[in-house]
Amino acid sequence: MVDPFRERTARLLMDYLEFCAREPGTPAPAPSTPEAAVLRHVAARIQEANRNVLPLYRRCRRHRVELVARMAQRLLDEDPGPSWGRVASLVTFAGSLLERPPQTTRRQEKRDDDGVSRDCRLLVALLCAQFCERHRAWLMANGGWDGFCLFFSHSFQPSWERQLVWFFLSYWTAIIIIYFWIKLSANMDPAKLVSSQGNNICVDKKPA
C-alpha cells in the first residue's frame, strides 16, 4: 500500500542529502518541494551557528551512518524527545557528513563518490525509519511536513536563532561520539544498522 507520508519524507530527505553531496562548485538544484526549501534555509542557519564544530564530525566520513544513528538516538529518543528543531538538526547533521572536501586526488574522488552515493541511500532509509515509523506519531500529531514549514515560518527571530547551537553539537559531545564510534563501530555493517532501525519499531502514541 502506498504511504504518501513516507513518499513525501523520502523525497524531502533525498532532495536535501543530494544537495549536500553534490560536487564542490556544482550549482545547487532548485528545491523540489516547499518543505525542501524551508529545510535548506533552516539547515544553513544551523550550520552557520555550528561552523566551528561540524568539521570535527566530517573527519569521520567512514562512519556516517553509525554517527547519524547514534545522533538520532540522542536527539529523538532521549528526553525531552522530538521537536522540529531536533528533526531539522538531525537532517542537517546527516547532510554535513555527506559534503565533499574541496580538493581530492582522482583516485580519492572515485572512492569518495562510491561512498557518498551509498551512504546517501542508507541515510535516507535510516531517517525514513526514524520519521515514518519510530517517531511517526509525533510528526503526524504536529502537522507533518506542513507543520514543519509552519513552525519555521514563525521561528526565525533572534531568540530562536540563539538556540541553533544545539547541545549535540557541543565540542565535548563531538569528541565523545567520534571516539565512541571509532573504537566500537569499525566492523559494523551500515546496511545492517539501517535495517535494524526499521525492524525495531516503537512508535510513541502520545504526541509531545
N, C-alpha and C. Protein backbone atom coordinates (compact mmCIF):
# COMPACT_ATOMS: atom_id res chain seq x y z
N MET A 1 0.84 -1.19 0.00
CA MET A 1 0.00 0.00 0.00
C MET A 1 0.89 1.25 0.00
N VAL A 2 0.52 2.21 -0.84
CA VAL A 2 1.29 3.44 -0.94
C VAL A 2 1.13 4.27 0.34
N ASP A 3 2.23 4.76 0.84
CA ASP A 3 2.23 5.60 2.04
C ASP A 3 2.65 7.01 1.63
N PRO A 4 1.69 7.92 1.43
CA PRO A 4 2.03 9.27 0.97
C PRO A 4 3.01 10.00 1.89
N PHE A 5 2.88 9.78 3.20
CA PHE A 5 3.78 10.47 4.13
C PHE A 5 5.21 9.96 3.96
N ARG A 6 5.38 8.65 3.80
CA ARG A 6 6.72 8.10 3.59
C ARG A 6 7.30 8.60 2.27
N GLU A 7 6.50 8.62 1.23
CA GLU A 7 7.00 9.10 -0.06
C GLU A 7 7.43 10.57 0.03
N ARG A 8 6.63 11.36 0.71
CA ARG A 8 6.97 12.78 0.87
C ARG A 8 8.24 12.95 1.70
N THR A 9 8.37 12.13 2.73
CA THR A 9 9.56 12.19 3.58
C THR A 9 10.81 11.79 2.81
N ALA A 10 10.72 10.69 2.06
CA ALA A 10 11.87 10.22 1.29
C ALA A 10 12.28 11.26 0.25
N ARG A 11 11.31 11.90 -0.37
CA ARG A 11 11.63 12.93 -1.37
C ARG A 11 12.33 14.11 -0.72
N LEU A 12 11.85 14.52 0.44
CA LEU A 12 12.48 15.63 1.16
C LEU A 12 13.92 15.29 1.54
N LEU A 13 14.11 14.10 2.10
CA LEU A 13 15.45 13.70 2.53
C LEU A 13 16.40 13.57 1.35
N MET A 14 15.93 12.96 0.26
CA MET A 14 16.79 12.81 -0.91
C MET A 14 17.15 14.17 -1.49
N ASP A 15 16.19 15.08 -1.52
CA ASP A 15 16.46 16.43 -2.03
C ASP A 15 17.58 17.08 -1.23
N TYR A 16 17.49 17.03 0.10
CA TYR A 16 18.48 17.72 0.91
C TYR A 16 19.83 17.01 0.91
N LEU A 17 19.83 15.69 1.04
CA LEU A 17 21.11 14.98 1.11
C LEU A 17 21.85 15.03 -0.22
N GLU A 18 21.14 14.96 -1.34
CA GLU A 18 21.80 15.10 -2.63
C GLU A 18 22.30 16.53 -2.84
N PHE A 19 21.57 17.49 -2.32
CA PHE A 19 22.02 18.89 -2.35
C PHE A 19 23.35 19.03 -1.61
N CYS A 20 23.47 18.38 -0.46
CA CYS A 20 24.71 18.45 0.32
C CYS A 20 25.84 17.68 -0.33
N ALA A 21 25.51 16.57 -1.01
CA ALA A 21 26.54 15.67 -1.53
C ALA A 21 27.03 16.05 -2.92
N ARG A 22 26.51 17.11 -3.50
CA ARG A 22 26.91 17.47 -4.86
C ARG A 22 28.39 17.85 -4.90
N GLU A 23 28.96 17.78 -6.08
CA GLU A 23 30.37 18.13 -6.26
C GLU A 23 30.62 19.59 -5.89
N PRO A 24 31.76 19.89 -5.26
CA PRO A 24 32.07 21.28 -4.94
C PRO A 24 32.07 22.14 -6.21
N GLY A 25 31.44 23.27 -6.13
CA GLY A 25 31.36 24.17 -7.28
C GLY A 25 30.20 23.91 -8.20
N THR A 26 29.49 22.80 -8.00
CA THR A 26 28.33 22.49 -8.83
C THR A 26 27.14 23.36 -8.41
N PRO A 27 26.45 23.97 -9.36
CA PRO A 27 25.29 24.79 -8.98
C PRO A 27 24.25 23.96 -8.24
N ALA A 28 23.65 24.55 -7.24
CA ALA A 28 22.64 23.84 -6.45
C ALA A 28 21.34 23.74 -7.24
N PRO A 29 20.75 22.54 -7.31
CA PRO A 29 19.44 22.42 -7.96
C PRO A 29 18.38 23.11 -7.13
N ALA A 30 17.31 23.52 -7.77
CA ALA A 30 16.22 24.17 -7.04
C ALA A 30 15.55 23.18 -6.11
N PRO A 31 15.08 23.61 -4.95
CA PRO A 31 14.35 22.70 -4.05
C PRO A 31 13.14 22.10 -4.76
N SER A 32 12.87 20.84 -4.50
CA SER A 32 11.80 20.14 -5.22
C SER A 32 10.43 20.36 -4.61
N THR A 33 10.37 20.80 -3.36
CA THR A 33 9.10 20.99 -2.66
C THR A 33 9.21 22.19 -1.73
N PRO A 34 8.10 22.73 -1.26
CA PRO A 34 8.18 23.84 -0.29
C PRO A 34 8.94 23.47 0.97
N GLU A 35 8.72 22.24 1.49
CA GLU A 35 9.44 21.86 2.71
C GLU A 35 10.93 21.70 2.45
N ALA A 36 11.31 21.33 1.21
CA ALA A 36 12.73 21.24 0.88
C ALA A 36 13.38 22.62 0.92
N ALA A 37 12.66 23.63 0.45
CA ALA A 37 13.19 25.00 0.51
C ALA A 37 13.34 25.47 1.95
N VAL A 38 12.35 25.16 2.78
CA VAL A 38 12.43 25.54 4.19
C VAL A 38 13.59 24.82 4.87
N LEU A 39 13.74 23.53 4.61
CA LEU A 39 14.82 22.76 5.24
C LEU A 39 16.18 23.32 4.87
N ARG A 40 16.40 23.66 3.62
CA ARG A 40 17.70 24.22 3.23
C ARG A 40 17.98 25.53 3.97
N HIS A 41 16.95 26.34 4.12
CA HIS A 41 17.12 27.61 4.82
C HIS A 41 17.44 27.39 6.30
N VAL A 42 16.69 26.50 6.93
CA VAL A 42 16.92 26.21 8.35
C VAL A 42 18.29 25.58 8.55
N ALA A 43 18.64 24.63 7.69
CA ALA A 43 19.92 23.94 7.81
C ALA A 43 21.09 24.90 7.66
N ALA A 44 20.96 25.88 6.78
CA ALA A 44 22.03 26.86 6.61
C ALA A 44 22.25 27.65 7.90
N ARG A 45 21.17 27.96 8.61
CA ARG A 45 21.29 28.67 9.89
C ARG A 45 21.98 27.78 10.94
N ILE A 46 21.58 26.52 10.96
CA ILE A 46 22.18 25.59 11.93
C ILE A 46 23.67 25.41 11.65
N GLN A 47 24.02 25.24 10.37
CA GLN A 47 25.43 25.07 10.02
C GLN A 47 26.24 26.31 10.37
N GLU A 48 25.69 27.47 10.12
CA GLU A 48 26.40 28.70 10.44
C GLU A 48 26.63 28.82 11.94
N ALA A 49 25.62 28.46 12.73
CA ALA A 49 25.76 28.55 14.18
C ALA A 49 26.79 27.57 14.73
N ASN A 50 27.05 26.50 13.98
CA ASN A 50 27.96 25.45 14.45
C ASN A 50 29.16 25.27 13.52
N ARG A 51 29.57 26.34 12.85
CA ARG A 51 30.63 26.23 11.84
C ARG A 51 31.97 25.83 12.43
N ASN A 52 32.18 26.02 13.73
CA ASN A 52 33.46 25.67 14.33
C ASN A 52 33.49 24.25 14.87
N VAL A 53 32.34 23.58 14.86
CA VAL A 53 32.26 22.25 15.46
C VAL A 53 32.01 21.16 14.43
N LEU A 54 31.19 21.44 13.42
CA LEU A 54 30.86 20.41 12.44
C LEU A 54 32.08 19.77 11.77
N PRO A 55 33.18 20.51 11.51
CA PRO A 55 34.35 19.85 10.92
C PRO A 55 34.89 18.69 11.74
N LEU A 56 34.66 18.69 13.04
CA LEU A 56 35.11 17.58 13.87
C LEU A 56 34.44 16.28 13.44
N TYR A 57 33.16 16.36 13.10
CA TYR A 57 32.44 15.17 12.67
C TYR A 57 32.82 14.76 11.26
N ARG A 58 33.10 15.73 10.39
CA ARG A 58 33.37 15.41 8.99
C ARG A 58 34.65 14.59 8.84
N ARG A 59 35.48 14.56 9.86
CA ARG A 59 36.68 13.73 9.80
C ARG A 59 36.34 12.25 9.87
N CYS A 60 35.12 11.93 10.23
CA CYS A 60 34.72 10.52 10.40
C CYS A 60 33.73 10.11 9.32
N ARG A 61 34.03 10.47 8.06
CA ARG A 61 33.11 10.16 6.97
C ARG A 61 32.87 8.67 6.80
N ARG A 62 33.85 7.86 7.18
CA ARG A 62 33.67 6.40 7.03
C ARG A 62 32.60 5.86 7.96
N HIS A 63 32.19 6.65 8.93
CA HIS A 63 31.21 6.19 9.92
C HIS A 63 29.94 7.05 9.86
N ARG A 64 29.60 7.53 8.67
CA ARG A 64 28.45 8.43 8.55
C ARG A 64 27.17 7.83 9.12
N VAL A 65 26.84 6.62 8.66
CA VAL A 65 25.56 6.02 9.03
C VAL A 65 25.50 5.75 10.53
N GLU A 66 26.60 5.25 11.08
CA GLU A 66 26.64 4.96 12.51
C GLU A 66 26.50 6.25 13.33
N LEU A 67 27.18 7.31 12.89
CA LEU A 67 27.10 8.57 13.63
C LEU A 67 25.69 9.15 13.61
N VAL A 68 25.02 9.07 12.46
CA VAL A 68 23.66 9.60 12.37
C VAL A 68 22.71 8.76 13.21
N ALA A 69 22.90 7.44 13.21
CA ALA A 69 22.05 6.58 14.04
C ALA A 69 22.22 6.92 15.52
N ARG A 70 23.45 7.13 15.95
CA ARG A 70 23.71 7.49 17.34
C ARG A 70 23.12 8.87 17.65
N MET A 71 23.26 9.81 16.72
CA MET A 71 22.72 11.14 16.95
C MET A 71 21.19 11.11 17.00
N ALA A 72 20.57 10.27 16.18
CA ALA A 72 19.11 10.14 16.21
C ALA A 72 18.65 9.65 17.57
N GLN A 73 19.39 8.72 18.13
CA GLN A 73 19.03 8.22 19.46
C GLN A 73 19.12 9.33 20.50
N ARG A 74 20.17 10.12 20.43
CA ARG A 74 20.36 11.19 21.41
C ARG A 74 19.30 12.29 21.25
N LEU A 75 18.98 12.62 20.01
CA LEU A 75 18.09 13.75 19.76
C LEU A 75 16.61 13.40 19.89
N LEU A 76 16.23 12.22 19.41
CA LEU A 76 14.81 11.89 19.31
C LEU A 76 14.32 10.94 20.39
N ASP A 77 15.19 10.04 20.87
CA ASP A 77 14.74 9.04 21.84
C ASP A 77 14.90 9.52 23.28
N GLU A 78 15.94 10.30 23.55
CA GLU A 78 16.18 10.74 24.92
C GLU A 78 15.34 11.97 25.24
N ASP A 79 15.05 12.17 26.52
CA ASP A 79 14.26 13.32 26.95
C ASP A 79 14.91 14.63 26.49
N PRO A 80 14.13 15.59 26.04
CA PRO A 80 12.66 15.67 26.06
C PRO A 80 11.98 15.10 24.84
N GLY A 81 12.69 14.39 23.97
CA GLY A 81 12.08 13.78 22.81
C GLY A 81 12.07 14.69 21.59
N PRO A 82 11.29 14.31 20.56
CA PRO A 82 11.33 15.04 19.29
C PRO A 82 10.83 16.48 19.41
N SER A 83 11.36 17.32 18.55
CA SER A 83 10.86 18.67 18.31
C SER A 83 11.25 18.99 16.87
N TRP A 84 10.64 20.01 16.30
CA TRP A 84 11.01 20.34 14.92
C TRP A 84 12.46 20.81 14.85
N GLY A 85 12.93 21.48 15.88
CA GLY A 85 14.33 21.89 15.89
C GLY A 85 15.27 20.69 15.87
N ARG A 86 14.91 19.65 16.61
CA ARG A 86 15.76 18.45 16.66
C ARG A 86 15.68 17.67 15.35
N VAL A 87 14.50 17.62 14.76
CA VAL A 87 14.36 16.97 13.45
C VAL A 87 15.24 17.67 12.42
N ALA A 88 15.15 18.99 12.36
CA ALA A 88 15.97 19.75 11.41
C ALA A 88 17.45 19.59 11.70
N SER A 89 17.83 19.56 12.97
CA SER A 89 19.23 19.41 13.33
C SER A 89 19.78 18.05 12.92
N LEU A 90 18.97 17.01 13.08
CA LEU A 90 19.41 15.67 12.70
C LEU A 90 19.65 15.57 11.20
N VAL A 91 18.73 16.10 10.40
CA VAL A 91 18.90 16.05 8.95
C VAL A 91 20.08 16.92 8.52
N THR A 92 20.24 18.07 9.16
CA THR A 92 21.39 18.92 8.86
C THR A 92 22.70 18.20 9.17
N PHE A 93 22.74 17.50 10.27
CA PHE A 93 23.93 16.75 10.66
C PHE A 93 24.25 15.69 9.61
N ALA A 94 23.22 14.94 9.17
CA ALA A 94 23.44 13.92 8.15
C ALA A 94 23.98 14.54 6.87
N GLY A 95 23.40 15.66 6.47
CA GLY A 95 23.87 16.32 5.25
C GLY A 95 25.30 16.81 5.36
N SER A 96 25.68 17.31 6.53
CA SER A 96 27.04 17.83 6.69
C SER A 96 28.08 16.73 6.54
N LEU A 97 27.73 15.50 6.90
CA LEU A 97 28.67 14.39 6.77
C LEU A 97 28.84 13.96 5.31
N LEU A 98 27.90 14.34 4.44
CA LEU A 98 27.98 13.98 3.03
C LEU A 98 28.68 15.03 2.19
N GLU A 99 28.97 16.17 2.76
CA GLU A 99 29.63 17.22 1.99
C GLU A 99 31.02 16.77 1.58
N ARG A 100 31.36 17.01 0.33
CA ARG A 100 32.64 16.56 -0.21
C ARG A 100 33.73 17.60 0.07
N PRO A 101 34.95 17.14 0.35
CA PRO A 101 36.05 18.09 0.54
C PRO A 101 36.34 18.82 -0.76
N PRO A 102 36.86 20.03 -0.70
CA PRO A 102 37.06 20.82 -1.92
C PRO A 102 38.12 20.28 -2.85
N GLN A 103 39.12 19.56 -2.35
CA GLN A 103 40.19 19.07 -3.19
C GLN A 103 40.47 17.61 -2.87
N THR A 104 40.51 16.79 -3.93
CA THR A 104 40.86 15.38 -3.78
C THR A 104 41.67 14.94 -4.98
N THR A 105 42.40 13.85 -4.83
CA THR A 105 43.07 13.27 -5.99
C THR A 105 42.03 12.52 -6.80
N ARG A 106 42.37 12.16 -8.03
CA ARG A 106 41.43 11.45 -8.89
C ARG A 106 41.02 10.12 -8.26
N ARG A 107 41.97 9.38 -7.69
CA ARG A 107 41.64 8.10 -7.08
C ARG A 107 40.74 8.30 -5.86
N GLN A 108 41.08 9.25 -5.03
CA GLN A 108 40.25 9.53 -3.85
C GLN A 108 38.86 9.95 -4.28
N GLU A 109 38.76 10.71 -5.36
CA GLU A 109 37.46 11.21 -5.81
C GLU A 109 36.54 10.06 -6.19
N LYS A 110 37.08 9.06 -6.91
CA LYS A 110 36.25 7.92 -7.30
C LYS A 110 35.80 7.15 -6.07
N ARG A 111 36.71 6.92 -5.13
CA ARG A 111 36.36 6.21 -3.92
C ARG A 111 35.32 6.98 -3.11
N ASP A 112 35.50 8.30 -3.01
CA ASP A 112 34.55 9.11 -2.27
C ASP A 112 33.19 9.12 -2.93
N ASP A 113 33.15 9.14 -4.28
CA ASP A 113 31.88 9.12 -5.00
C ASP A 113 31.08 7.88 -4.63
N ASP A 114 31.76 6.73 -4.63
CA ASP A 114 31.08 5.47 -4.30
C ASP A 114 30.54 5.51 -2.87
N GLY A 115 31.36 5.98 -1.93
CA GLY A 115 30.94 6.01 -0.54
C GLY A 115 29.82 6.99 -0.29
N VAL A 116 29.88 8.17 -0.91
CA VAL A 116 28.84 9.18 -0.72
C VAL A 116 27.52 8.69 -1.28
N SER A 117 27.54 8.12 -2.47
CA SER A 117 26.29 7.64 -3.09
C SER A 117 25.66 6.55 -2.25
N ARG A 118 26.47 5.62 -1.78
CA ARG A 118 25.95 4.53 -0.95
C ARG A 118 25.39 5.07 0.36
N ASP A 119 26.17 5.92 1.02
CA ASP A 119 25.74 6.43 2.32
C ASP A 119 24.52 7.34 2.19
N CYS A 120 24.40 8.05 1.08
CA CYS A 120 23.22 8.88 0.87
C CYS A 120 21.96 8.02 0.87
N ARG A 121 21.99 6.90 0.16
CA ARG A 121 20.84 5.99 0.13
C ARG A 121 20.57 5.40 1.51
N LEU A 122 21.63 5.00 2.20
CA LEU A 122 21.46 4.41 3.53
C LEU A 122 20.91 5.42 4.53
N LEU A 123 21.35 6.66 4.42
CA LEU A 123 20.87 7.68 5.35
C LEU A 123 19.41 8.04 5.08
N VAL A 124 19.00 8.04 3.82
CA VAL A 124 17.58 8.26 3.52
C VAL A 124 16.75 7.15 4.16
N ALA A 125 17.20 5.91 4.03
CA ALA A 125 16.46 4.78 4.62
C ALA A 125 16.43 4.88 6.14
N LEU A 126 17.57 5.22 6.74
CA LEU A 126 17.63 5.32 8.20
C LEU A 126 16.71 6.43 8.72
N LEU A 127 16.78 7.60 8.09
CA LEU A 127 15.97 8.72 8.56
C LEU A 127 14.49 8.51 8.27
N CYS A 128 14.19 7.83 7.16
CA CYS A 128 12.78 7.48 6.90
C CYS A 128 12.25 6.56 7.99
N ALA A 129 13.07 5.62 8.44
CA ALA A 129 12.63 4.74 9.53
C ALA A 129 12.38 5.54 10.80
N GLN A 130 13.20 6.53 11.06
CA GLN A 130 13.01 7.36 12.24
C GLN A 130 11.73 8.20 12.14
N PHE A 131 11.54 8.85 11.01
CA PHE A 131 10.43 9.81 10.87
C PHE A 131 9.11 9.17 10.49
N CYS A 132 9.15 8.06 9.76
CA CYS A 132 7.92 7.45 9.25
C CYS A 132 7.47 6.24 10.06
N GLU A 133 8.30 5.77 10.96
CA GLU A 133 7.95 4.61 11.76
C GLU A 133 8.12 4.92 13.25
N ARG A 134 9.35 5.06 13.65
CA ARG A 134 9.62 5.18 15.09
C ARG A 134 8.98 6.43 15.71
N HIS A 135 9.06 7.55 15.03
CA HIS A 135 8.53 8.81 15.58
C HIS A 135 7.40 9.38 14.70
N ARG A 136 6.77 8.52 13.94
CA ARG A 136 5.70 8.96 13.05
C ARG A 136 4.56 9.63 13.82
N ALA A 137 4.16 9.06 14.95
CA ALA A 137 3.03 9.61 15.71
C ALA A 137 3.28 11.07 16.08
N TRP A 138 4.51 11.38 16.50
CA TRP A 138 4.81 12.76 16.88
C TRP A 138 4.73 13.68 15.66
N LEU A 139 5.34 13.27 14.55
CA LEU A 139 5.33 14.13 13.37
C LEU A 139 3.91 14.37 12.87
N MET A 140 3.09 13.33 12.83
CA MET A 140 1.72 13.48 12.34
C MET A 140 0.90 14.36 13.28
N ALA A 141 1.10 14.19 14.59
CA ALA A 141 0.36 15.00 15.57
C ALA A 141 0.74 16.47 15.49
N ASN A 142 1.91 16.76 14.93
CA ASN A 142 2.37 18.14 14.82
C ASN A 142 2.29 18.67 13.38
N GLY A 143 1.42 18.05 12.59
CA GLY A 143 1.13 18.59 11.26
C GLY A 143 1.95 18.05 10.13
N GLY A 144 2.80 17.03 10.38
CA GLY A 144 3.63 16.51 9.31
C GLY A 144 4.55 17.59 8.75
N TRP A 145 4.89 17.48 7.46
CA TRP A 145 5.83 18.44 6.89
C TRP A 145 5.20 19.81 6.66
N ASP A 146 3.86 19.86 6.59
CA ASP A 146 3.20 21.17 6.58
C ASP A 146 3.40 21.87 7.92
N GLY A 147 3.32 21.09 9.01
CA GLY A 147 3.59 21.65 10.33
C GLY A 147 5.02 22.11 10.48
N PHE A 148 5.95 21.37 9.87
CA PHE A 148 7.37 21.75 9.85
C PHE A 148 7.54 23.14 9.22
N CYS A 149 6.91 23.32 8.05
CA CYS A 149 7.03 24.61 7.35
C CYS A 149 6.39 25.73 8.17
N LEU A 150 5.23 25.44 8.75
CA LEU A 150 4.54 26.46 9.53
C LEU A 150 5.35 26.86 10.76
N PHE A 151 5.94 25.87 11.43
CA PHE A 151 6.73 26.15 12.62
C PHE A 151 7.88 27.09 12.30
N PHE A 152 8.64 26.77 11.27
CA PHE A 152 9.83 27.58 10.98
C PHE A 152 9.49 28.91 10.32
N SER A 153 8.32 29.01 9.73
CA SER A 153 7.93 30.31 9.16
C SER A 153 7.71 31.35 10.24
N HIS A 154 7.47 30.89 11.48
CA HIS A 154 7.26 31.80 12.60
C HIS A 154 8.42 31.79 13.59
N SER A 155 9.48 31.07 13.28
CA SER A 155 10.52 30.84 14.29
C SER A 155 11.80 31.62 14.08
N PHE A 156 11.99 32.27 12.94
CA PHE A 156 13.26 32.94 12.71
C PHE A 156 13.27 34.33 13.31
N GLN A 157 13.40 34.34 14.61
CA GLN A 157 13.53 35.54 15.40
C GLN A 157 14.83 35.42 16.19
N PRO A 158 15.41 36.53 16.66
CA PRO A 158 16.69 36.46 17.37
C PRO A 158 16.71 35.45 18.50
N SER A 159 15.61 35.35 19.25
CA SER A 159 15.61 34.42 20.39
C SER A 159 15.73 32.99 19.92
N TRP A 160 15.10 32.65 18.79
CA TRP A 160 15.20 31.27 18.28
C TRP A 160 16.57 31.02 17.68
N GLU A 161 17.11 32.00 16.96
CA GLU A 161 18.40 31.80 16.33
C GLU A 161 19.49 31.54 17.36
N ARG A 162 19.36 32.12 18.53
CA ARG A 162 20.36 31.87 19.58
C ARG A 162 20.32 30.42 20.04
N GLN A 163 19.21 29.74 19.80
CA GLN A 163 19.08 28.35 20.22
C GLN A 163 19.57 27.37 19.16
N LEU A 164 20.11 27.88 18.05
CA LEU A 164 20.56 27.00 16.99
C LEU A 164 21.80 26.20 17.37
N VAL A 165 22.50 26.60 18.41
CA VAL A 165 23.66 25.83 18.86
C VAL A 165 23.14 24.72 19.75
N TRP A 166 22.73 23.62 19.13
CA TRP A 166 22.11 22.52 19.86
C TRP A 166 23.15 21.80 20.71
N PHE A 167 22.67 21.17 21.77
CA PHE A 167 23.59 20.51 22.70
C PHE A 167 24.41 19.43 22.02
N PHE A 168 23.85 18.76 21.02
CA PHE A 168 24.57 17.63 20.42
C PHE A 168 25.75 18.09 19.59
N LEU A 169 25.85 19.38 19.27
CA LEU A 169 26.97 19.88 18.50
C LEU A 169 28.01 20.58 19.38
N SER A 170 27.91 20.40 20.66
CA SER A 170 28.92 20.98 21.53
C SER A 170 30.25 20.27 21.32
N TYR A 171 31.32 20.95 21.65
CA TYR A 171 32.65 20.41 21.38
C TYR A 171 32.87 19.07 22.07
N TRP A 172 32.52 18.97 23.34
CA TRP A 172 32.81 17.75 24.07
C TRP A 172 31.93 16.59 23.61
N THR A 173 30.69 16.87 23.28
CA THR A 173 29.84 15.81 22.75
C THR A 173 30.41 15.29 21.45
N ALA A 174 30.92 16.19 20.61
CA ALA A 174 31.53 15.77 19.35
C ALA A 174 32.69 14.81 19.59
N ILE A 175 33.57 15.17 20.50
CA ILE A 175 34.73 14.33 20.78
C ILE A 175 34.31 12.97 21.31
N ILE A 176 33.35 12.95 22.23
CA ILE A 176 32.91 11.69 22.83
C ILE A 176 32.31 10.76 21.78
N ILE A 177 31.44 11.30 20.93
CA ILE A 177 30.78 10.45 19.93
C ILE A 177 31.79 9.94 18.91
N ILE A 178 32.69 10.80 18.45
CA ILE A 178 33.70 10.36 17.49
C ILE A 178 34.56 9.25 18.08
N TYR A 179 35.01 9.44 19.31
CA TYR A 179 35.83 8.42 19.95
C TYR A 179 35.07 7.11 20.07
N PHE A 180 33.81 7.20 20.48
CA PHE A 180 32.98 6.01 20.68
C PHE A 180 32.87 5.20 19.39
N TRP A 181 32.57 5.88 18.28
CA TRP A 181 32.35 5.14 17.05
C TRP A 181 33.64 4.65 16.41
N ILE A 182 34.71 5.37 16.55
CA ILE A 182 35.98 4.87 16.02
C ILE A 182 36.38 3.59 16.73
N LYS A 183 36.14 3.53 18.04
CA LYS A 183 36.53 2.37 18.82
C LYS A 183 35.60 1.18 18.62
N LEU A 184 34.30 1.43 18.53
CA LEU A 184 33.33 0.33 18.60
C LEU A 184 32.62 0.01 17.30
N SER A 185 32.73 0.87 16.27
CA SER A 185 31.94 0.66 15.07
C SER A 185 32.77 0.33 13.84
N ALA A 186 34.04 0.06 14.02
CA ALA A 186 34.91 -0.16 12.88
C ALA A 186 34.43 -1.31 12.01
N ASN A 187 33.85 -2.34 12.61
CA ASN A 187 33.44 -3.52 11.87
C ASN A 187 31.94 -3.61 11.65
N MET A 188 31.21 -2.53 11.93
CA MET A 188 29.75 -2.57 11.79
C MET A 188 29.36 -2.38 10.34
N ASP A 189 28.39 -3.16 9.86
CA ASP A 189 27.87 -3.06 8.51
C ASP A 189 26.77 -2.00 8.49
N PRO A 190 26.95 -0.86 7.80
CA PRO A 190 25.94 0.19 7.82
C PRO A 190 24.58 -0.28 7.33
N ALA A 191 24.55 -1.18 6.32
CA ALA A 191 23.27 -1.66 5.80
C ALA A 191 22.49 -2.41 6.86
N LYS A 192 23.20 -3.20 7.69
CA LYS A 192 22.52 -3.92 8.77
C LYS A 192 21.99 -2.95 9.81
N LEU A 193 22.74 -1.87 10.05
CA LEU A 193 22.30 -0.88 11.02
C LEU A 193 21.01 -0.21 10.55
N VAL A 194 20.94 0.12 9.26
CA VAL A 194 19.73 0.74 8.72
C VAL A 194 18.56 -0.21 8.83
N SER A 195 18.80 -1.50 8.53
CA SER A 195 17.74 -2.49 8.63
C SER A 195 17.20 -2.58 10.04
N SER A 196 18.09 -2.53 11.03
CA SER A 196 17.65 -2.63 12.42
C SER A 196 16.82 -1.43 12.82
N GLN A 197 17.07 -0.27 12.20
CA GLN A 197 16.28 0.91 12.52
C GLN A 197 14.84 0.72 12.10
N GLY A 198 14.63 -0.01 11.00
CA GLY A 198 13.28 -0.22 10.53
C GLY A 198 12.57 -1.38 11.17
N ASN A 199 13.30 -2.34 11.70
CA ASN A 199 12.69 -3.54 12.26
C ASN A 199 12.31 -3.39 13.71
N ASN A 200 13.05 -2.58 14.46
CA ASN A 200 12.77 -2.40 15.88
C ASN A 200 11.91 -1.16 16.08
N ILE A 201 10.64 -1.28 15.78
CA ILE A 201 9.76 -0.13 15.79
C ILE A 201 9.10 0.02 17.14
N CYS A 202 9.11 1.23 17.65
CA CYS A 202 8.46 1.55 18.92
C CYS A 202 7.83 2.93 18.77
N VAL A 203 6.63 2.99 18.18
CA VAL A 203 6.01 4.27 17.88
C VAL A 203 5.39 4.84 19.13
N ASP A 204 5.76 6.07 19.42
CA ASP A 204 5.20 6.76 20.57
C ASP A 204 3.82 7.28 20.20
N LYS A 205 2.78 6.80 20.86
CA LYS A 205 1.42 7.18 20.53
C LYS A 205 1.01 8.48 21.19
N LYS A 206 1.84 9.02 22.06
CA LYS A 206 1.48 10.25 22.76
C LYS A 206 2.28 11.41 22.19
N PRO A 207 1.66 12.27 21.38
CA PRO A 207 2.39 13.40 20.80
C PRO A 207 2.92 14.31 21.88
N ALA A 208 4.13 14.87 21.62
CA ALA A 208 4.71 15.82 22.58
C ALA A 208 4.12 17.19 22.33
